[in-house]
Amino acid sequence: MRKISLVIILLVLTAAVSHAQQVYCPPPNIGFEDGTFTGWACDTGMVDGAGTVNVIYSGPISNRQTLISPISGLELDPWGNFPTLCPWGGSYSVRLGNEQSGRGAERISYTFNVPAGTNEYDMIFYYAVVLQNPPHLSYQQPRFTVKTFDVTDNTYVDCASFDFIASADLPGFKPSPAGDTVFYKDWAPSTLHLRGYAGKQMRLEFTTNDCTLG
């Protein structure tokens, strides 16, 4: 049986609004519009038996941090039959993770500064997810997380994070017609609301990991 450890496809966009409704330009290449990973850090590593992800900087690795171009994006995902290139704008997407098992973990992250005087700052991203759902305990399952780290204060922002753990009852997920234990979610938008972080340095982290049993 072909095994799906975890596949993530995502596109990041940005919008920033202050109380004065001033709109700021997005940080450079945060939507991969250059067709490269410029400005992004790419890390790879492993997830241990307790579910802790350990990654180090590696640069983009083919089939772990994969750039989806307008040409390759003409393909449909074989598990969810959705386009691999985000249909809601932008010329590039990124696939994070792959179809192989072995306790692998991948991360891409982007560090930026919230403009001074900006009391409201929203980061909008679009994502699609494919997860295999093996019969494991929750902490042992394949997983996709989105986190926001306050670099200035050295702490994670709890209200600006998402956590998808493989399960048959994940909201918005459907069973794949191509695999009994595979579930997918088609492209959808999500927003990270950052309030009160004016002038601070922040880091977006997108992480995938296989199941912990290898």
N, C-alpha and C. Protein backbone atom coordinates (compact mmCIF):
# COMPACT_ATOMS: atom_id res chain seq x y z
N MET A 1 0.85 -1.20 0.00
CA MET A 1 0.00 0.00 0.00
C MET A 1 0.88 1.24 0.00
N ARG A 2 0.55 2.18 -0.85
CA ARG A 2 1.29 3.44 -0.89
C ARG A 2 0.96 4.25 0.36
N LYS A 3 1.99 4.77 1.02
CA LYS A 3 1.77 5.48 2.28
C LYS A 3 1.89 6.98 2.10
N ILE A 4 0.98 7.72 2.71
CA ILE A 4 1.03 9.17 2.71
C ILE A 4 1.40 9.61 4.11
N SER A 5 2.58 10.16 4.27
CA SER A 5 2.91 10.65 5.61
C SER A 5 2.26 12.01 5.82
N LEU A 6 2.52 12.95 4.91
CA LEU A 6 1.85 14.23 5.04
C LEU A 6 2.23 15.12 3.87
N VAL A 7 1.25 15.73 3.26
CA VAL A 7 1.51 16.66 2.16
C VAL A 7 0.78 17.96 2.44
N ILE A 8 1.48 19.05 2.35
CA ILE A 8 0.89 20.37 2.56
C ILE A 8 1.19 21.24 1.35
N ILE A 9 0.19 21.96 0.89
CA ILE A 9 0.42 22.92 -0.17
C ILE A 9 -0.11 24.26 0.32
N LEU A 10 0.68 25.31 0.20
CA LEU A 10 0.21 26.58 0.72
C LEU A 10 0.77 27.77 -0.05
N LEU A 11 0.06 28.86 0.06
CA LEU A 11 0.48 30.13 -0.50
C LEU A 11 0.27 31.18 0.58
N VAL A 12 1.22 32.03 0.77
CA VAL A 12 1.08 33.07 1.78
C VAL A 12 0.90 34.43 1.12
N LEU A 13 -0.12 35.14 1.56
CA LEU A 13 -0.35 36.51 1.14
C LEU A 13 -0.33 37.38 2.38
N THR A 14 -0.42 38.68 2.23
CA THR A 14 -0.39 39.52 3.41
C THR A 14 -1.22 40.78 3.22
N ALA A 15 -1.79 41.25 4.32
CA ALA A 15 -2.48 42.54 4.33
C ALA A 15 -2.24 43.17 5.68
N ALA A 16 -1.94 44.44 5.70
CA ALA A 16 -1.70 45.13 6.97
C ALA A 16 -2.56 46.37 7.04
N VAL A 17 -3.27 46.52 8.16
CA VAL A 17 -4.17 47.65 8.30
C VAL A 17 -3.98 48.26 9.69
N SER A 18 -3.85 49.56 9.76
CA SER A 18 -3.79 50.25 11.04
C SER A 18 -5.15 50.86 11.34
N HIS A 19 -5.30 51.48 12.49
CA HIS A 19 -6.58 52.11 12.82
C HIS A 19 -6.91 53.23 11.85
N ALA A 20 -5.89 53.78 11.22
CA ALA A 20 -6.11 54.85 10.24
C ALA A 20 -6.41 54.27 8.86
N GLN A 21 -6.51 52.93 8.77
CA GLN A 21 -6.80 52.24 7.52
C GLN A 21 -5.70 52.43 6.49
N GLN A 22 -4.48 52.61 6.94
CA GLN A 22 -3.35 52.70 6.03
C GLN A 22 -2.94 51.29 5.64
N VAL A 23 -2.77 51.05 4.34
CA VAL A 23 -2.40 49.73 3.85
C VAL A 23 -0.91 49.73 3.52
N TYR A 24 -0.17 48.75 4.03
CA TYR A 24 1.26 48.67 3.82
C TYR A 24 1.59 47.63 2.74
N CYS A 25 2.71 47.82 2.08
CA CYS A 25 3.17 46.85 1.11
C CYS A 25 3.57 45.56 1.84
N PRO A 26 3.34 44.40 1.24
CA PRO A 26 3.72 43.15 1.90
C PRO A 26 5.23 43.01 1.96
N PRO A 27 5.74 42.26 2.93
CA PRO A 27 7.17 41.98 2.98
C PRO A 27 7.63 41.31 1.68
N PRO A 28 8.87 41.53 1.26
CA PRO A 28 9.35 41.00 -0.02
C PRO A 28 9.24 39.49 -0.13
N ASN A 29 8.64 39.03 -1.22
CA ASN A 29 8.57 37.61 -1.58
C ASN A 29 7.85 36.74 -0.55
N ILE A 30 7.01 37.32 0.26
CA ILE A 30 6.29 36.50 1.24
C ILE A 30 5.28 35.58 0.57
N GLY A 31 4.86 35.92 -0.66
CA GLY A 31 3.97 35.05 -1.43
C GLY A 31 4.70 34.25 -2.49
N PHE A 32 6.03 34.14 -2.38
CA PHE A 32 6.85 33.40 -3.34
C PHE A 32 6.74 33.96 -4.74
N GLU A 33 6.40 35.26 -4.84
CA GLU A 33 6.15 35.84 -6.16
C GLU A 33 7.41 35.93 -7.01
N ASP A 34 8.60 35.80 -6.40
CA ASP A 34 9.84 35.79 -7.17
C ASP A 34 10.12 34.42 -7.79
N GLY A 35 9.32 33.44 -7.44
CA GLY A 35 9.58 32.09 -7.93
C GLY A 35 10.75 31.43 -7.23
N THR A 36 11.08 31.93 -6.02
CA THR A 36 12.20 31.40 -5.23
C THR A 36 11.80 31.36 -3.76
N PHE A 37 12.71 30.87 -2.92
CA PHE A 37 12.52 30.88 -1.47
C PHE A 37 13.25 32.05 -0.81
N THR A 38 13.60 33.07 -1.60
CA THR A 38 14.30 34.23 -1.05
C THR A 38 13.49 34.84 0.10
N GLY A 39 14.15 35.06 1.23
CA GLY A 39 13.48 35.60 2.41
C GLY A 39 12.91 34.54 3.33
N TRP A 40 12.80 33.32 2.84
CA TRP A 40 12.27 32.21 3.63
C TRP A 40 13.42 31.33 4.14
N ALA A 41 13.30 30.82 5.34
CA ALA A 41 14.23 29.83 5.87
C ALA A 41 13.59 28.46 5.74
N CYS A 42 14.34 27.49 5.24
CA CYS A 42 13.85 26.12 5.06
C CYS A 42 14.62 25.19 5.98
N ASP A 43 13.90 24.48 6.84
CA ASP A 43 14.50 23.58 7.82
C ASP A 43 13.96 22.16 7.60
N THR A 44 14.79 21.18 7.86
CA THR A 44 14.34 19.78 7.81
C THR A 44 14.91 19.03 9.01
N GLY A 45 14.27 17.91 9.32
CA GLY A 45 14.72 17.11 10.46
C GLY A 45 13.79 15.95 10.71
N MET A 46 13.53 15.68 11.99
CA MET A 46 12.77 14.50 12.38
C MET A 46 11.77 14.87 13.49
N VAL A 47 10.77 14.01 13.67
CA VAL A 47 9.90 14.08 14.83
C VAL A 47 10.21 12.87 15.69
N ASP A 48 10.37 13.08 17.01
CA ASP A 48 10.73 11.96 17.87
C ASP A 48 9.50 11.20 18.35
N GLY A 49 9.71 10.17 19.15
CA GLY A 49 8.61 9.32 19.60
C GLY A 49 7.60 10.02 20.47
N ALA A 50 7.99 11.14 21.08
CA ALA A 50 7.07 11.90 21.92
C ALA A 50 6.30 12.96 21.13
N GLY A 51 6.58 13.07 19.83
CA GLY A 51 5.87 14.05 19.01
C GLY A 51 6.56 15.40 18.93
N THR A 52 7.81 15.50 19.42
CA THR A 52 8.55 16.75 19.36
C THR A 52 9.30 16.87 18.05
N VAL A 53 9.10 17.99 17.35
CA VAL A 53 9.75 18.22 16.07
C VAL A 53 11.13 18.84 16.30
N ASN A 54 12.14 18.26 15.67
CA ASN A 54 13.51 18.77 15.76
C ASN A 54 14.02 19.02 14.34
N VAL A 55 14.20 20.28 13.97
CA VAL A 55 14.65 20.62 12.63
C VAL A 55 15.82 21.59 12.71
N ILE A 56 16.64 21.59 11.67
CA ILE A 56 17.74 22.53 11.54
C ILE A 56 17.72 23.10 10.13
N TYR A 57 18.39 24.23 9.95
CA TYR A 57 18.40 24.88 8.64
C TYR A 57 19.08 23.96 7.62
N SER A 58 18.44 23.82 6.46
CA SER A 58 18.96 22.96 5.40
C SER A 58 18.90 23.62 4.04
N GLY A 59 18.16 24.74 3.94
CA GLY A 59 17.84 25.25 2.63
C GLY A 59 16.74 24.38 2.02
N PRO A 60 16.11 24.83 0.95
CA PRO A 60 15.04 24.02 0.36
C PRO A 60 15.56 22.70 -0.19
N ILE A 61 14.88 21.62 0.15
CA ILE A 61 15.23 20.28 -0.33
C ILE A 61 14.10 19.78 -1.22
N SER A 62 14.45 19.34 -2.40
CA SER A 62 13.45 18.85 -3.36
C SER A 62 12.62 17.74 -2.73
N ASN A 63 11.32 17.81 -2.92
CA ASN A 63 10.34 16.87 -2.42
C ASN A 63 10.12 17.00 -0.92
N ARG A 64 10.68 18.06 -0.31
CA ARG A 64 10.35 18.35 1.09
C ARG A 64 9.85 19.79 1.22
N GLN A 65 10.53 20.71 0.54
CA GLN A 65 10.03 22.08 0.34
C GLN A 65 10.04 22.30 -1.17
N THR A 66 8.90 22.13 -1.78
CA THR A 66 8.82 22.10 -3.24
C THR A 66 8.03 23.29 -3.77
N LEU A 67 8.67 24.08 -4.64
CA LEU A 67 7.99 25.23 -5.23
C LEU A 67 7.11 24.76 -6.38
N ILE A 68 5.86 25.17 -6.35
CA ILE A 68 4.90 24.85 -7.41
C ILE A 68 4.81 26.05 -8.34
N SER A 69 5.17 25.86 -9.60
CA SER A 69 5.19 26.94 -10.58
C SER A 69 3.91 26.94 -11.41
N PRO A 70 3.68 27.98 -12.22
CA PRO A 70 2.50 27.97 -13.09
C PRO A 70 2.45 26.77 -14.03
N ILE A 71 3.62 26.21 -14.37
CA ILE A 71 3.64 25.05 -15.26
C ILE A 71 3.33 23.78 -14.49
N SER A 72 4.08 23.51 -13.40
CA SER A 72 3.82 22.30 -12.62
C SER A 72 2.47 22.38 -11.91
N GLY A 73 1.98 23.61 -11.67
CA GLY A 73 0.71 23.79 -10.98
C GLY A 73 -0.51 23.44 -11.80
N LEU A 74 -0.30 23.08 -13.08
CA LEU A 74 -1.43 22.63 -13.91
C LEU A 74 -1.91 21.25 -13.48
N GLU A 75 -1.10 20.56 -12.69
CA GLU A 75 -1.46 19.22 -12.24
C GLU A 75 -2.48 19.30 -11.10
N LEU A 76 -3.22 18.21 -10.92
CA LEU A 76 -4.15 18.08 -9.81
C LEU A 76 -3.55 17.17 -8.75
N ASP A 77 -3.82 17.47 -7.49
CA ASP A 77 -3.35 16.60 -6.43
C ASP A 77 -4.03 15.24 -6.58
N PRO A 78 -3.26 14.14 -6.54
CA PRO A 78 -3.85 12.82 -6.78
C PRO A 78 -4.77 12.34 -5.67
N TRP A 79 -4.71 12.94 -4.49
CA TRP A 79 -5.50 12.47 -3.35
C TRP A 79 -6.77 13.29 -3.15
N GLY A 80 -6.72 14.59 -3.48
CA GLY A 80 -7.90 15.43 -3.29
C GLY A 80 -8.45 16.01 -4.57
N ASN A 81 -7.74 15.80 -5.69
CA ASN A 81 -8.19 16.27 -7.00
C ASN A 81 -8.37 17.79 -7.05
N PHE A 82 -7.61 18.52 -6.23
CA PHE A 82 -7.63 19.98 -6.27
C PHE A 82 -6.35 20.46 -6.97
N PRO A 83 -6.33 21.68 -7.51
CA PRO A 83 -5.13 22.17 -8.20
C PRO A 83 -3.97 22.35 -7.22
N THR A 84 -2.78 21.97 -7.64
CA THR A 84 -1.62 22.12 -6.77
C THR A 84 -1.16 23.58 -6.69
N LEU A 85 -1.55 24.40 -7.65
CA LEU A 85 -1.29 25.83 -7.58
C LEU A 85 -2.53 26.52 -7.04
N CYS A 86 -2.35 27.34 -6.01
CA CYS A 86 -3.49 28.00 -5.38
C CYS A 86 -4.29 28.78 -6.41
N PRO A 87 -5.60 28.55 -6.52
CA PRO A 87 -6.41 29.23 -7.53
C PRO A 87 -6.85 30.63 -7.12
N TRP A 88 -6.49 31.10 -5.93
CA TRP A 88 -7.01 32.36 -5.41
C TRP A 88 -6.02 33.50 -5.50
N GLY A 89 -5.05 33.39 -6.39
CA GLY A 89 -4.12 34.49 -6.58
C GLY A 89 -2.69 34.05 -6.39
N GLY A 90 -1.77 34.80 -6.99
CA GLY A 90 -0.36 34.45 -6.91
C GLY A 90 0.04 33.51 -8.02
N SER A 91 1.31 33.52 -8.35
CA SER A 91 1.82 32.68 -9.43
C SER A 91 2.52 31.42 -8.93
N TYR A 92 2.78 31.35 -7.63
CA TYR A 92 3.52 30.21 -7.07
C TYR A 92 2.88 29.75 -5.77
N SER A 93 3.02 28.46 -5.49
CA SER A 93 2.65 27.88 -4.21
C SER A 93 3.83 27.03 -3.73
N VAL A 94 3.72 26.49 -2.54
CA VAL A 94 4.76 25.61 -2.00
C VAL A 94 4.12 24.35 -1.45
N ARG A 95 4.70 23.21 -1.79
CA ARG A 95 4.29 21.96 -1.15
C ARG A 95 5.30 21.66 -0.05
N LEU A 96 4.80 21.47 1.15
CA LEU A 96 5.65 21.19 2.31
C LEU A 96 5.37 19.77 2.76
N GLY A 97 6.38 18.91 2.76
CA GLY A 97 6.18 17.51 3.09
C GLY A 97 6.13 16.66 1.84
N ASN A 98 5.90 15.35 2.03
CA ASN A 98 5.89 14.42 0.90
C ASN A 98 5.07 13.18 1.24
N GLU A 99 5.14 12.18 0.39
CA GLU A 99 4.34 10.96 0.57
C GLU A 99 5.14 9.83 1.21
N GLN A 100 6.27 10.14 1.80
CA GLN A 100 7.13 9.12 2.39
C GLN A 100 7.01 9.12 3.91
N SER A 101 7.15 7.95 4.51
CA SER A 101 7.15 7.84 5.96
C SER A 101 8.59 7.86 6.46
N GLY A 102 8.78 7.77 7.77
CA GLY A 102 10.13 7.74 8.31
C GLY A 102 10.42 8.83 9.32
N ARG A 103 9.38 9.36 9.96
CA ARG A 103 9.52 10.38 11.01
C ARG A 103 10.08 11.70 10.50
N GLY A 104 9.93 11.98 9.22
CA GLY A 104 10.45 13.22 8.67
C GLY A 104 9.66 14.44 9.14
N ALA A 105 10.33 15.60 9.16
CA ALA A 105 9.68 16.86 9.51
C ALA A 105 10.28 17.96 8.64
N GLU A 106 9.42 18.91 8.24
CA GLU A 106 9.83 20.02 7.39
C GLU A 106 9.23 21.32 7.92
N ARG A 107 9.97 22.40 7.70
CA ARG A 107 9.46 23.71 8.11
C ARG A 107 9.93 24.77 7.13
N ILE A 108 9.07 25.75 6.88
CA ILE A 108 9.49 26.98 6.24
C ILE A 108 9.06 28.12 7.15
N SER A 109 9.88 29.16 7.23
CA SER A 109 9.56 30.28 8.12
C SER A 109 9.98 31.59 7.47
N TYR A 110 9.30 32.65 7.87
CA TYR A 110 9.56 33.98 7.32
C TYR A 110 9.55 34.98 8.47
N THR A 111 10.62 35.77 8.58
CA THR A 111 10.74 36.76 9.64
C THR A 111 10.51 38.16 9.07
N PHE A 112 9.70 38.96 9.75
CA PHE A 112 9.35 40.28 9.25
C PHE A 112 9.13 41.23 10.43
N ASN A 113 9.08 42.50 10.14
CA ASN A 113 8.82 43.52 11.15
C ASN A 113 7.44 44.12 10.95
N VAL A 114 6.66 44.18 12.00
CA VAL A 114 5.38 44.88 11.96
C VAL A 114 5.68 46.38 11.95
N PRO A 115 5.13 47.13 11.00
CA PRO A 115 5.44 48.57 10.94
C PRO A 115 5.10 49.29 12.24
N ALA A 116 5.95 50.21 12.63
CA ALA A 116 5.71 51.01 13.83
C ALA A 116 4.39 51.77 13.69
N GLY A 117 3.63 51.81 14.76
CA GLY A 117 2.36 52.52 14.75
C GLY A 117 1.20 51.72 14.18
N THR A 118 1.47 50.47 13.77
CA THR A 118 0.41 49.62 13.21
C THR A 118 -0.21 48.78 14.32
N ASN A 119 -1.40 49.14 14.74
CA ASN A 119 -2.05 48.46 15.86
C ASN A 119 -2.76 47.18 15.43
N GLU A 120 -3.09 47.07 14.15
CA GLU A 120 -3.72 45.87 13.62
C GLU A 120 -2.93 45.42 12.40
N TYR A 121 -2.57 44.15 12.39
CA TYR A 121 -1.77 43.61 11.30
C TYR A 121 -2.24 42.19 11.02
N ASP A 122 -2.75 41.95 9.83
CA ASP A 122 -3.31 40.65 9.48
C ASP A 122 -2.47 39.98 8.41
N MET A 123 -2.17 38.71 8.61
CA MET A 123 -1.48 37.89 7.62
C MET A 123 -2.49 36.87 7.09
N ILE A 124 -2.75 36.92 5.80
CA ILE A 124 -3.72 36.03 5.18
C ILE A 124 -2.97 34.97 4.37
N PHE A 125 -3.29 33.70 4.62
CA PHE A 125 -2.67 32.64 3.82
C PHE A 125 -3.73 31.66 3.36
N TYR A 126 -3.46 31.04 2.21
CA TYR A 126 -4.33 30.00 1.66
C TYR A 126 -3.60 28.66 1.78
N TYR A 127 -4.34 27.62 2.10
CA TYR A 127 -3.70 26.33 2.31
C TYR A 127 -4.61 25.20 1.85
N ALA A 128 -4.00 24.10 1.48
CA ALA A 128 -4.70 22.84 1.21
C ALA A 128 -3.88 21.75 1.89
N VAL A 129 -4.55 20.74 2.41
CA VAL A 129 -3.88 19.74 3.25
C VAL A 129 -4.29 18.33 2.84
N VAL A 130 -3.30 17.42 2.84
CA VAL A 130 -3.57 15.99 2.69
C VAL A 130 -2.90 15.28 3.85
N LEU A 131 -3.67 14.49 4.59
CA LEU A 131 -3.16 13.77 5.76
C LEU A 131 -3.58 12.30 5.71
N GLN A 132 -2.64 11.42 5.95
CA GLN A 132 -3.02 10.03 6.19
C GLN A 132 -3.41 9.89 7.66
N ASN A 133 -4.40 9.06 7.93
CA ASN A 133 -4.92 8.90 9.28
C ASN A 133 -4.70 7.48 9.78
N PRO A 134 -3.47 7.15 10.21
CA PRO A 134 -3.22 5.81 10.74
C PRO A 134 -3.84 5.67 12.13
N PRO A 135 -4.02 4.44 12.62
CA PRO A 135 -4.65 4.23 13.93
C PRO A 135 -3.66 4.43 15.07
N HIS A 136 -3.22 5.68 15.25
CA HIS A 136 -2.25 6.00 16.31
C HIS A 136 -2.90 6.90 17.35
N LEU A 137 -2.20 7.11 18.45
CA LEU A 137 -2.60 8.12 19.42
C LEU A 137 -2.42 9.50 18.81
N SER A 138 -3.11 10.49 19.37
CA SER A 138 -3.12 11.82 18.79
C SER A 138 -1.71 12.40 18.61
N TYR A 139 -0.86 12.28 19.63
CA TYR A 139 0.48 12.88 19.55
C TYR A 139 1.39 12.13 18.58
N GLN A 140 0.97 10.93 18.14
CA GLN A 140 1.77 10.13 17.21
C GLN A 140 1.39 10.37 15.75
N GLN A 141 0.36 11.16 15.51
CA GLN A 141 -0.20 11.31 14.18
C GLN A 141 0.57 12.29 13.29
N PRO A 142 0.43 12.13 11.96
CA PRO A 142 0.91 13.17 11.05
C PRO A 142 0.24 14.50 11.40
N ARG A 143 0.96 15.62 11.12
CA ARG A 143 0.50 16.89 11.65
C ARG A 143 0.97 18.06 10.79
N PHE A 144 0.16 19.11 10.79
CA PHE A 144 0.52 20.37 10.14
C PHE A 144 0.23 21.50 11.12
N THR A 145 1.22 22.33 11.39
CA THR A 145 1.02 23.44 12.32
C THR A 145 1.44 24.76 11.69
N VAL A 146 0.74 25.80 12.08
CA VAL A 146 1.08 27.17 11.71
C VAL A 146 1.25 27.94 13.01
N LYS A 147 2.42 28.53 13.21
CA LYS A 147 2.69 29.27 14.43
C LYS A 147 3.27 30.65 14.12
N THR A 148 3.02 31.58 15.03
CA THR A 148 3.60 32.92 14.94
C THR A 148 4.46 33.14 16.17
N PHE A 149 5.73 33.45 15.94
CA PHE A 149 6.68 33.64 17.03
C PHE A 149 7.06 35.11 17.15
N ASP A 150 6.91 35.64 18.36
CA ASP A 150 7.31 37.01 18.65
C ASP A 150 8.81 37.00 18.94
N VAL A 151 9.61 37.35 17.92
CA VAL A 151 11.06 37.32 18.08
C VAL A 151 11.52 38.35 19.11
N THR A 152 10.88 39.50 19.11
CA THR A 152 11.27 40.57 20.02
C THR A 152 11.15 40.14 21.48
N ASP A 153 10.04 39.46 21.82
CA ASP A 153 9.80 39.05 23.20
C ASP A 153 10.11 37.58 23.45
N ASN A 154 10.58 36.86 22.40
CA ASN A 154 10.99 35.46 22.53
C ASN A 154 9.86 34.57 23.05
N THR A 155 8.69 34.69 22.41
CA THR A 155 7.53 33.89 22.84
C THR A 155 6.59 33.66 21.67
N TYR A 156 5.86 32.54 21.70
CA TYR A 156 4.87 32.26 20.66
C TYR A 156 3.56 33.00 20.95
N VAL A 157 2.87 33.36 19.88
CA VAL A 157 1.59 34.05 19.99
C VAL A 157 0.48 33.00 19.89
N ASP A 158 -0.15 32.69 21.00
CA ASP A 158 -1.13 31.59 21.04
C ASP A 158 -2.33 31.84 20.14
N CYS A 159 -2.78 33.09 20.06
CA CYS A 159 -3.99 33.38 19.30
C CYS A 159 -3.74 33.44 17.79
N ALA A 160 -2.49 33.31 17.36
CA ALA A 160 -2.18 33.36 15.94
C ALA A 160 -1.49 32.06 15.52
N SER A 161 -2.17 30.93 15.79
CA SER A 161 -1.61 29.63 15.45
C SER A 161 -2.73 28.66 15.07
N PHE A 162 -2.37 27.63 14.29
CA PHE A 162 -3.31 26.60 13.86
C PHE A 162 -2.63 25.25 13.99
N ASP A 163 -3.42 24.22 14.28
CA ASP A 163 -2.86 22.89 14.49
C ASP A 163 -3.80 21.86 13.88
N PHE A 164 -3.33 21.13 12.86
CA PHE A 164 -4.13 20.09 12.22
C PHE A 164 -3.47 18.75 12.49
N ILE A 165 -4.15 17.90 13.26
CA ILE A 165 -3.66 16.56 13.58
C ILE A 165 -4.55 15.56 12.84
N ALA A 166 -3.92 14.60 12.16
CA ALA A 166 -4.68 13.63 11.36
C ALA A 166 -5.79 12.98 12.17
N SER A 167 -7.00 13.02 11.61
CA SER A 167 -8.18 12.46 12.27
C SER A 167 -9.28 12.30 11.23
N ALA A 168 -10.19 11.38 11.47
CA ALA A 168 -11.30 11.17 10.54
C ALA A 168 -12.38 12.23 10.68
N ASP A 169 -12.33 13.04 11.73
CA ASP A 169 -13.38 14.03 11.96
C ASP A 169 -12.84 15.47 12.00
N LEU A 170 -11.74 15.74 11.30
CA LEU A 170 -11.24 17.10 11.21
C LEU A 170 -12.24 17.98 10.47
N PRO A 171 -12.62 19.13 11.01
CA PRO A 171 -13.57 20.00 10.34
C PRO A 171 -13.07 20.43 8.95
N GLY A 172 -13.94 20.29 7.96
CA GLY A 172 -13.60 20.72 6.61
C GLY A 172 -12.85 19.70 5.78
N PHE A 173 -12.48 18.55 6.38
CA PHE A 173 -11.75 17.52 5.65
C PHE A 173 -12.70 16.48 5.06
N LYS A 174 -12.30 15.90 3.93
CA LYS A 174 -13.10 14.87 3.26
C LYS A 174 -12.24 13.63 3.04
N PRO A 175 -12.86 12.44 3.01
CA PRO A 175 -12.08 11.24 2.69
C PRO A 175 -11.64 11.26 1.24
N SER A 176 -10.41 10.85 0.99
CA SER A 176 -9.88 10.83 -0.36
C SER A 176 -10.48 9.67 -1.16
N PRO A 177 -10.86 9.92 -2.41
CA PRO A 177 -11.35 8.81 -3.24
C PRO A 177 -10.23 7.87 -3.65
N ALA A 178 -8.98 8.26 -3.38
CA ALA A 178 -7.84 7.45 -3.81
C ALA A 178 -7.21 6.64 -2.68
N GLY A 179 -7.72 6.77 -1.44
CA GLY A 179 -7.13 6.03 -0.33
C GLY A 179 -8.05 6.02 0.87
N ASP A 180 -8.31 4.84 1.43
CA ASP A 180 -9.27 4.72 2.52
C ASP A 180 -8.87 5.47 3.77
N THR A 181 -7.57 5.59 4.05
CA THR A 181 -7.12 6.22 5.28
C THR A 181 -6.62 7.65 5.07
N VAL A 182 -6.87 8.21 3.90
CA VAL A 182 -6.36 9.54 3.56
C VAL A 182 -7.50 10.55 3.57
N PHE A 183 -7.25 11.70 4.17
CA PHE A 183 -8.23 12.78 4.22
C PHE A 183 -7.58 14.05 3.67
N TYR A 184 -8.40 14.90 3.05
CA TYR A 184 -7.86 16.10 2.45
C TYR A 184 -8.78 17.29 2.68
N LYS A 185 -8.19 18.47 2.58
CA LYS A 185 -8.94 19.72 2.62
C LYS A 185 -8.52 20.56 1.43
N ASP A 186 -9.49 20.98 0.63
CA ASP A 186 -9.23 21.80 -0.54
C ASP A 186 -8.79 23.19 -0.10
N TRP A 187 -8.32 23.98 -1.04
CA TRP A 187 -7.82 25.33 -0.75
C TRP A 187 -8.82 26.15 0.05
N ALA A 188 -8.32 26.78 1.09
CA ALA A 188 -9.15 27.62 1.95
C ALA A 188 -8.29 28.75 2.51
N PRO A 189 -8.89 29.91 2.80
CA PRO A 189 -8.12 31.01 3.38
C PRO A 189 -8.12 30.94 4.90
N SER A 190 -7.11 31.53 5.50
CA SER A 190 -7.07 31.68 6.95
C SER A 190 -6.31 32.96 7.25
N THR A 191 -6.61 33.56 8.40
CA THR A 191 -6.01 34.85 8.75
C THR A 191 -5.37 34.77 10.13
N LEU A 192 -4.15 35.26 10.21
CA LEU A 192 -3.48 35.42 11.49
C LEU A 192 -3.63 36.87 11.92
N HIS A 193 -4.35 37.10 13.01
CA HIS A 193 -4.60 38.45 13.50
C HIS A 193 -3.55 38.83 14.53
N LEU A 194 -2.78 39.85 14.23
CA LEU A 194 -1.76 40.33 15.15
C LEU A 194 -2.18 41.70 15.67
N ARG A 195 -2.47 41.77 16.95
CA ARG A 195 -2.92 43.01 17.57
C ARG A 195 -1.93 43.44 18.65
N GLY A 196 -1.51 44.69 18.61
CA GLY A 196 -0.62 45.20 19.63
C GLY A 196 0.84 44.82 19.45
N TYR A 197 1.25 44.50 18.23
CA TYR A 197 2.63 44.10 17.99
C TYR A 197 3.38 45.13 17.14
N ALA A 198 2.93 46.35 17.12
CA ALA A 198 3.56 47.41 16.33
C ALA A 198 5.05 47.53 16.66
N GLY A 199 5.87 47.56 15.60
CA GLY A 199 7.30 47.73 15.76
C GLY A 199 8.06 46.49 16.15
N LYS A 200 7.37 45.36 16.35
CA LYS A 200 8.05 44.15 16.79
C LYS A 200 8.44 43.27 15.60
N GLN A 201 9.44 42.43 15.83
CA GLN A 201 9.85 41.46 14.83
C GLN A 201 9.12 40.14 15.09
N MET A 202 8.51 39.59 14.03
CA MET A 202 7.71 38.38 14.15
C MET A 202 8.22 37.33 13.16
N ARG A 203 7.89 36.07 13.43
CA ARG A 203 8.28 34.99 12.51
C ARG A 203 7.10 34.04 12.29
N LEU A 204 6.75 33.82 11.03
CA LEU A 204 5.74 32.84 10.67
C LEU A 204 6.41 31.49 10.48
N GLU A 205 5.82 30.43 11.04
CA GLU A 205 6.38 29.09 10.93
C GLU A 205 5.30 28.12 10.43
N PHE A 206 5.59 27.44 9.32
CA PHE A 206 4.71 26.40 8.78
C PHE A 206 5.48 25.08 8.88
N THR A 207 4.92 24.11 9.61
CA THR A 207 5.65 22.87 9.90
C THR A 207 4.80 21.65 9.61
N THR A 208 5.41 20.63 9.02
CA THR A 208 4.76 19.35 8.83
C THR A 208 5.61 18.25 9.46
N ASN A 209 4.95 17.20 9.92
CA ASN A 209 5.71 16.03 10.37
C ASN A 209 4.96 14.75 10.12
N ASP A 210 5.72 13.68 9.89
CA ASP A 210 5.14 12.35 9.72
C ASP A 210 4.61 11.84 11.05
N CYS A 211 4.05 10.65 11.02
CA CYS A 211 3.69 10.01 12.27
C CYS A 211 4.97 9.66 13.03
N THR A 212 4.88 9.54 14.34
CA THR A 212 6.07 9.36 15.17
C THR A 212 6.59 7.93 15.19
N LEU A 213 5.80 6.98 14.67
CA LEU A 213 6.20 5.58 14.74
C LEU A 213 7.11 5.16 13.60
N GLY A 214 7.30 6.07 12.63
CA GLY A 214 8.24 5.80 11.56
C GLY A 214 7.72 4.84 10.51
